[in-house]
Amino acid sequence: MNSAFTKVSNFKVNRVSKIAITLTSSTFFLFALGQAPIFKNILAGAFSCSG
């Protein structure tokens, strides 16, 4: 019983930490994209050329 409860709590913690890591990395990636003028130019070129 005790070991099963420990496994469940560990699984929940791992799942939450994975979600937190994913959110943090994606937020940082988007922030870096916004800060880099090279990516801004690529995005602007892609959107302007597609039209």
C-alpha atoms as a PDB file:
ATOM      1  CA  MET A   1       0.000   0.000   0.000  1.00  0.00           C
ATOM      2  CA  ASN A   2       2.700   2.443   1.003  1.00  0.00           C
ATOM      3  CA  SER A   3       4.889   1.674  -2.024  1.00  0.00           C
ATOM      4  CA  ALA A   4       1.928   2.036  -4.364  1.00  0.00           C
ATOM      5  CA  PHE A   5       1.103   5.443  -2.891  1.00  0.00           C
ATOM      6  CA  THR A   6       4.749   6.491  -3.281  1.00  0.00           C
ATOM      7  CA  LYS A   7       4.719   5.434  -6.940  1.00  0.00           C
ATOM      8  CA  VAL A   8       1.545   7.426  -7.602  1.00  0.00           C
ATOM      9  CA  SER A   9       2.894  10.546  -5.900  1.00  0.00           C
ATOM     10  CA  ASN A  10       6.201  10.230  -7.778  1.00  0.00           C
ATOM     11  CA  PHE A  11       4.326   9.869 -11.065  1.00  0.00           C
ATOM     12  CA  LYS A  12       2.270  12.983 -10.348  1.00  0.00           C
ATOM     13  CA  VAL A  13       5.388  14.970  -9.466  1.00  0.00           C
ATOM     14  CA  ASN A  14       7.179  13.799 -12.610  1.00  0.00           C
ATOM     15  CA  ARG A  15       4.184  14.698 -14.739  1.00  0.00           C
ATOM     16  CA  VAL A  16       3.853  18.164 -13.199  1.00  0.00           C
ATOM     17  CA  SER A  17       7.577  18.831 -13.513  1.00  0.00           C
ATOM     18  CA  LYS A  18       7.527  17.730 -17.170  1.00  0.00           C
ATOM     19  CA  ILE A  19       4.658  20.122 -17.872  1.00  0.00           C
ATOM     20  CA  ALA A  20       6.457  22.923 -16.035  1.00  0.00           C
ATOM     21  CA  ILE A  21       9.699  22.278 -17.923  1.00  0.00           C
ATOM     22  CA  THR A  22       7.843  22.234 -21.241  1.00  0.00           C
ATOM     23  CA  LEU A  23       6.050  25.503 -20.475  1.00  0.00           C
ATOM     24  CA  THR A  24       9.259  27.182 -19.333  1.00  0.00           C
ATOM     25  CA  SER A  25      11.291  26.039 -22.338  1.00  0.00           C
ATOM     26  CA  SER A  26       8.573  27.012 -24.820  1.00  0.00           C
ATOM     27  CA  THR A  27       8.150  30.422 -23.189  1.00  0.00           C
ATOM     28  CA  PHE A  28      11.897  31.000 -23.260  1.00  0.00           C
ATOM     29  CA  PHE A  29      12.042  29.864 -26.898  1.00  0.00           C
ATOM     30  CA  LEU A  30       9.270  32.287 -27.890  1.00  0.00           C
ATOM     31  CA  PHE A  31      10.982  35.075 -25.939  1.00  0.00           C
ATOM     32  CA  ALA A  32      14.281  34.342 -27.715  1.00  0.00           C
ATOM     33  CA  LEU A  33      12.480  34.330 -31.061  1.00  0.00           C
ATOM     34  CA  GLY A  34      10.979  37.723 -30.309  1.00  0.00           C
ATOM     35  CA  GLN A  35      14.357  39.138 -29.267  1.00  0.00           C
ATOM     36  CA  ALA A  36      16.302  37.890 -32.293  1.00  0.00           C
ATOM     37  CA  PRO A  37      15.993  40.272 -35.277  1.00  0.00           C
ATOM     38  CA  ILE A  38      17.126  37.503 -37.657  1.00  0.00           C
ATOM     39  CA  PHE A  39      14.048  35.448 -36.815  1.00  0.00           C
ATOM     40  CA  LYS A  40      11.872  38.551 -37.113  1.00  0.00           C
ATOM     41  CA  ASN A  41      13.189  39.102 -40.632  1.00  0.00           C
ATOM     42  CA  ILE A  42      12.646  35.445 -41.554  1.00  0.00           C
ATOM     43  CA  LEU A  43       9.100  35.533 -40.219  1.00  0.00           C
ATOM     44  CA  ALA A  44       8.362  38.847 -41.925  1.00  0.00           C
ATOM     45  CA  GLY A  45       9.773  37.540 -45.190  1.00  0.00           C
ATOM     46  CA  ALA A  46       7.791  34.315 -44.942  1.00  0.00           C
ATOM     47  CA  PHE A  47       4.531  36.151 -44.282  1.00  0.00           C
ATOM     48  CA  SER A  48       5.132  38.790 -46.964  1.00  0.00           C
ATOM     49  CA  CYS A  49       6.195  36.261 -49.617  1.00  0.00           C
ATOM     50  CA  SER A  50       3.224  33.981 -48.961  1.00  0.00           C
ATOM     51  CA  GLY A  51       0.832  36.779 -49.889  1.00  0.00           C
END
